[in-house]
Amino acid sequence: MRVSRAELDVHVDADRAARAEAARRARKSLNDDQQLFGAPAQGVTHLRTARA
């Protein structure tokens, strides 16, 4: 348990900063409904599945 806590402590500042930046980007690019209920993935190429 102490080892895992130490590992988390090493990364907590970078993780917190990355999450804050992601939240800023989401607030900037998504409208209120999309923020609340989600938005479809953008820039994703959908592949057809092969049928046997």
PDB file of N, CA and C in Angstrom:
ATOM      1  N   MET A   1       0.822  -1.190   0.000  1.00  0.00           N
ATOM      2  CA  MET A   1       0.000   0.000   0.000  1.00  0.00           C
ATOM      3  C   MET A   1       0.867   1.256   0.000  1.00  0.00           C
ATOM      4  N   ARG A   2       1.920   1.288   0.777  1.00  0.00           N
ATOM      5  CA  ARG A   2       2.796   2.468   0.817  1.00  0.00           C
ATOM      6  C   ARG A   2       3.483   2.695  -0.525  1.00  0.00           C
ATOM      7  N   VAL A   3       3.846   1.601  -1.189  1.00  0.00           N
ATOM      8  CA  VAL A   3       4.523   1.733  -2.478  1.00  0.00           C
ATOM      9  C   VAL A   3       3.577   2.349  -3.509  1.00  0.00           C
ATOM     10  N   SER A   4       2.325   1.888  -3.534  1.00  0.00           N
ATOM     11  CA  SER A   4       1.381   2.466  -4.487  1.00  0.00           C
ATOM     12  C   SER A   4       1.086   3.919  -4.177  1.00  0.00           C
ATOM     13  N   ARG A   5       0.999   4.281  -2.910  1.00  0.00           N
ATOM     14  CA  ARG A   5       0.776   5.681  -2.525  1.00  0.00           C
ATOM     15  C   ARG A   5       1.960   6.528  -2.964  1.00  0.00           C
ATOM     16  N   ALA A   6       3.175   6.012  -2.786  1.00  0.00           N
ATOM     17  CA  ALA A   6       4.374   6.742  -3.209  1.00  0.00           C
ATOM     18  C   ALA A   6       4.367   6.953  -4.726  1.00  0.00           C
ATOM     19  N   GLU A   7       3.956   5.932  -5.477  1.00  0.00           N
ATOM     20  CA  GLU A   7       3.865   6.046  -6.935  1.00  0.00           C
ATOM     21  C   GLU A   7       2.849   7.116  -7.327  1.00  0.00           C
ATOM     22  N   LEU A   8       1.705   7.122  -6.681  1.00  0.00           N
ATOM     23  CA  LEU A   8       0.692   8.153  -6.970  1.00  0.00           C
ATOM     24  C   LEU A   8       1.208   9.545  -6.634  1.00  0.00           C
ATOM     25  N   ASP A   9       1.899   9.673  -5.526  1.00  0.00           N
ATOM     26  CA  ASP A   9       2.425  10.973  -5.114  1.00  0.00           C
ATOM     27  C   ASP A   9       3.399  11.548  -6.138  1.00  0.00           C
ATOM     28  N   VAL A  10       4.151  10.667  -6.792  1.00  0.00           N
ATOM     29  CA  VAL A  10       5.111  11.126  -7.795  1.00  0.00           C
ATOM     30  C   VAL A  10       4.402  11.775  -8.978  1.00  0.00           C
ATOM     31  N   HIS A  11       3.225  11.253  -9.337  1.00  0.00           N
ATOM     32  CA  HIS A  11       2.545  11.690 -10.555  1.00  0.00           C
ATOM     33  C   HIS A  11       1.354  12.618 -10.315  1.00  0.00           C
ATOM     34  N   VAL A  12       1.014  12.896  -9.070  1.00  0.00           N
ATOM     35  CA  VAL A  12      -0.220  13.615  -8.786  1.00  0.00           C
ATOM     36  C   VAL A  12      -0.257  15.013  -9.402  1.00  0.00           C
ATOM     37  N   ASP A  13       0.826  15.753  -9.373  1.00  0.00           N
ATOM     38  CA  ASP A  13       0.822  17.111  -9.928  1.00  0.00           C
ATOM     39  C   ASP A  13       0.629  17.099 -11.444  1.00  0.00           C
ATOM     40  N   ALA A  14       1.351  16.234 -12.135  1.00  0.00           N
ATOM     41  CA  ALA A  14       1.214  16.145 -13.591  1.00  0.00           C
ATOM     42  C   ALA A  14      -0.184  15.664 -13.975  1.00  0.00           C
ATOM     43  N   ASP A  15      -0.711  14.702 -13.226  1.00  0.00           N
ATOM     44  CA  ASP A  15      -2.052  14.189 -13.495  1.00  0.00           C
ATOM     45  C   ASP A  15      -3.096  15.281 -13.287  1.00  0.00           C
ATOM     46  N   ARG A  16      -2.975  16.010 -12.216  1.00  0.00           N
ATOM     47  CA  ARG A  16      -3.918  17.092 -11.917  1.00  0.00           C
ATOM     48  C   ARG A  16      -3.885  18.159 -13.013  1.00  0.00           C
ATOM     49  N   ALA A  17      -2.689  18.510 -13.475  1.00  0.00           N
ATOM     50  CA  ALA A  17      -2.542  19.512 -14.535  1.00  0.00           C
ATOM     51  C   ALA A  17      -3.142  19.010 -15.854  1.00  0.00           C
ATOM     52  N   ALA A  18      -2.907  17.757 -16.187  1.00  0.00           N
ATOM     53  CA  ALA A  18      -3.449  17.193 -17.422  1.00  0.00           C
ATOM     54  C   ALA A  18      -4.972  17.152 -17.382  1.00  0.00           C
ATOM     55  N   ARG A  19      -5.534  16.793 -16.225  1.00  0.00           N
ATOM     56  CA  ARG A  19      -6.995  16.757 -16.096  1.00  0.00           C
ATOM     57  C   ARG A  19      -7.599  18.157 -16.175  1.00  0.00           C
ATOM     58  N   ALA A  20      -6.943  19.133 -15.577  1.00  0.00           N
ATOM     59  CA  ALA A  20      -7.431  20.515 -15.625  1.00  0.00           C
ATOM     60  C   ALA A  20      -7.404  21.036 -17.062  1.00  0.00           C
ATOM     61  N   GLU A  21      -6.335  20.736 -17.794  1.00  0.00           N
ATOM     62  CA  GLU A  21      -6.243  21.168 -19.184  1.00  0.00           C
ATOM     63  C   GLU A  21      -7.309  20.491 -20.041  1.00  0.00           C
ATOM     64  N   ALA A  22      -7.548  19.214 -19.822  1.00  0.00           N
ATOM     65  CA  ALA A  22      -8.594  18.505 -20.566  1.00  0.00           C
ATOM     66  C   ALA A  22      -9.969  19.111 -20.269  1.00  0.00           C
ATOM     67  N   ALA A  23     -10.214  19.472 -19.031  1.00  0.00           N
ATOM     68  CA  ALA A  23     -11.490  20.103 -18.665  1.00  0.00           C
ATOM     69  C   ALA A  23     -11.632  21.460 -19.330  1.00  0.00           C
ATOM     70  N   ARG A  24     -10.553  22.232 -19.388  1.00  0.00           N
ATOM     71  CA  ARG A  24     -10.594  23.539 -20.078  1.00  0.00           C
ATOM     72  C   ARG A  24     -10.919  23.367 -21.551  1.00  0.00           C
ATOM     73  N   ARG A  25     -10.277  22.383 -22.193  1.00  0.00           N
ATOM     74  CA  ARG A  25     -10.553  22.137 -23.616  1.00  0.00           C
ATOM     75  C   ARG A  25     -12.002  21.714 -23.824  1.00  0.00           C
ATOM     76  N   ALA A  26     -12.516  20.867 -22.942  1.00  0.00           N
ATOM     77  CA  ALA A  26     -13.910  20.412 -23.072  1.00  0.00           C
ATOM     78  C   ALA A  26     -14.873  21.576 -22.911  1.00  0.00           C
ATOM     79  N   ARG A  27     -14.640  22.425 -21.915  1.00  0.00           N
ATOM     80  CA  ARG A  27     -15.536  23.576 -21.717  1.00  0.00           C
ATOM     81  C   ARG A  27     -15.515  24.506 -22.911  1.00  0.00           C
ATOM     82  N   LYS A  28     -14.358  24.613 -23.544  1.00  0.00           N
ATOM     83  CA  LYS A  28     -14.198  25.515 -24.676  1.00  0.00           C
ATOM     84  C   LYS A  28     -14.846  24.955 -25.950  1.00  0.00           C
ATOM     85  N   SER A  29     -14.780  23.660 -26.155  1.00  0.00           N
ATOM     86  CA  SER A  29     -15.209  23.087 -27.430  1.00  0.00           C
ATOM     87  C   SER A  29     -16.581  22.408 -27.402  1.00  0.00           C
ATOM     88  N   LEU A  30     -17.132  22.134 -26.227  1.00  0.00           N
ATOM     89  CA  LEU A  30     -18.428  21.457 -26.143  1.00  0.00           C
ATOM     90  C   LEU A  30     -19.486  22.410 -25.617  1.00  0.00           C
ATOM     91  N   ASN A  31     -20.704  22.291 -26.174  1.00  0.00           N
ATOM     92  CA  ASN A  31     -21.796  23.107 -25.635  1.00  0.00           C
ATOM     93  C   ASN A  31     -22.307  22.475 -24.334  1.00  0.00           C
ATOM     94  N   ASP A  32     -23.237  23.139 -23.680  1.00  0.00           N
ATOM     95  CA  ASP A  32     -23.724  22.666 -22.379  1.00  0.00           C
ATOM     96  C   ASP A  32     -24.305  21.260 -22.453  1.00  0.00           C
ATOM     97  N   ASP A  33     -25.122  20.990 -23.487  1.00  0.00           N
ATOM     98  CA  ASP A  33     -25.726  19.655 -23.621  1.00  0.00           C
ATOM     99  C   ASP A  33     -24.662  18.581 -23.813  1.00  0.00           C
ATOM    100  N   GLN A  34     -23.664  18.876 -24.637  1.00  0.00           N
ATOM    101  CA  GLN A  34     -22.597  17.904 -24.876  1.00  0.00           C
ATOM    102  C   GLN A  34     -21.781  17.663 -23.613  1.00  0.00           C
ATOM    103  N   GLN A  35     -21.559  18.709 -22.833  1.00  0.00           N
ATOM    104  CA  GLN A  35     -20.815  18.538 -21.588  1.00  0.00           C
ATOM    105  C   GLN A  35     -21.596  17.673 -20.607  1.00  0.00           C
ATOM    106  N   LEU A  36     -22.906  17.845 -20.601  1.00  0.00           N
ATOM    107  CA  LEU A  36     -23.735  17.112 -19.645  1.00  0.00           C
ATOM    108  C   LEU A  36     -23.986  15.673 -20.077  1.00  0.00           C
ATOM    109  N   PHE A  37     -24.297  15.473 -21.373  1.00  0.00           N
ATOM    110  CA  PHE A  37     -24.725  14.152 -21.837  1.00  0.00           C
ATOM    111  C   PHE A  37     -23.705  13.432 -22.708  1.00  0.00           C
ATOM    112  N   GLY A  38     -22.603  14.097 -23.042  1.00  0.00           N
ATOM    113  CA  GLY A  38     -21.597  13.474 -23.894  1.00  0.00           C
ATOM    114  C   GLY A  38     -21.755  13.916 -25.335  1.00  0.00           C
ATOM    115  N   ALA A  39     -20.754  13.683 -26.105  1.00  0.00           N
ATOM    116  CA  ALA A  39     -20.739  14.069 -27.513  1.00  0.00           C
ATOM    117  C   ALA A  39     -20.180  12.904 -28.314  1.00  0.00           C
ATOM    118  N   PRO A  40     -20.620  12.786 -29.563  1.00  0.00           N
ATOM    119  CA  PRO A  40     -20.079  11.710 -30.398  1.00  0.00           C
ATOM    120  C   PRO A  40     -18.587  11.927 -30.645  1.00  0.00           C
ATOM    121  N   ALA A  41     -17.879  10.851 -30.827  1.00  0.00           N
ATOM    122  CA  ALA A  41     -16.453  10.927 -31.111  1.00  0.00           C
ATOM    123  C   ALA A  41     -16.241  11.645 -32.441  1.00  0.00           C
ATOM    124  N   GLN A  42     -15.236  12.487 -32.494  1.00  0.00           N
ATOM    125  CA  GLN A  42     -14.931  13.222 -33.714  1.00  0.00           C
ATOM    126  C   GLN A  42     -13.579  12.783 -34.237  1.00  0.00           C
ATOM    127  N   GLY A  43     -13.460  12.739 -35.558  1.00  0.00           N
ATOM    128  CA  GLY A  43     -12.184  12.372 -36.160  1.00  0.00           C
ATOM    129  C   GLY A  43     -11.841  10.906 -35.999  1.00  0.00           C
ATOM    130  N   VAL A  44     -12.861  10.073 -35.846  1.00  0.00           N
ATOM    131  CA  VAL A  44     -12.630   8.639 -35.680  1.00  0.00           C
ATOM    132  C   VAL A  44     -13.042   7.930 -36.953  1.00  0.00           C
ATOM    133  N   THR A  45     -12.178   7.107 -37.479  1.00  0.00           N
ATOM    134  CA  THR A  45     -12.512   6.327 -38.664  1.00  0.00           C
ATOM    135  C   THR A  45     -13.117   5.005 -38.211  1.00  0.00           C
ATOM    136  N   HIS A  46     -14.332   4.757 -38.675  1.00  0.00           N
ATOM    137  CA  HIS A  46     -15.006   3.505 -38.326  1.00  0.00           C
ATOM    138  C   HIS A  46     -14.678   2.463 -39.389  1.00  0.00           C
ATOM    139  N   LEU A  47     -14.254   1.321 -38.953  1.00  0.00           N
ATOM    140  CA  LEU A  47     -13.929   0.234 -39.867  1.00  0.00           C
ATOM    141  C   LEU A  47     -15.092  -0.738 -39.938  1.00  0.00           C
ATOM    142  N   ARG A  48     -15.351  -1.225 -41.104  1.00  0.00           N
ATOM    143  CA  ARG A  48     -16.384  -2.255 -41.266  1.00  0.00           C
ATOM    144  C   ARG A  48     -15.836  -3.568 -40.725  1.00  0.00           C
ATOM    145  N   THR A  49     -16.667  -4.310 -40.064  1.00  0.00           N
ATOM    146  CA  THR A  49     -16.208  -5.607 -39.557  1.00  0.00           C
ATOM    147  C   THR A  49     -16.438  -6.661 -40.643  1.00  0.00           C
ATOM    148  N   ALA A  50     -15.482  -7.547 -40.795  1.00  0.00           N
ATOM    149  CA  ALA A  50     -15.596  -8.616 -41.780  1.00  0.00           C
ATOM    150  C   ALA A  50     -16.553  -9.670 -41.261  1.00  0.00           C
ATOM    151  N   ARG A  51     -17.393 -10.128 -42.120  1.00  0.00           N
ATOM    152  CA  ARG A  51     -18.332 -11.198 -41.746  1.00  0.00           C
ATOM    153  C   ARG A  51     -17.892 -12.500 -42.408  1.00  0.00           C
ATOM    154  N   ALA A  52     -17.912 -13.532 -41.623  1.00  0.00           N
ATOM    155  CA  ALA A  52     -17.462 -14.831 -42.153  1.00  0.00           C
ATOM    156  C   ALA A  52     -18.559 -15.511 -42.915  1.00  0.00           C
TER     157      ALA A  52
END
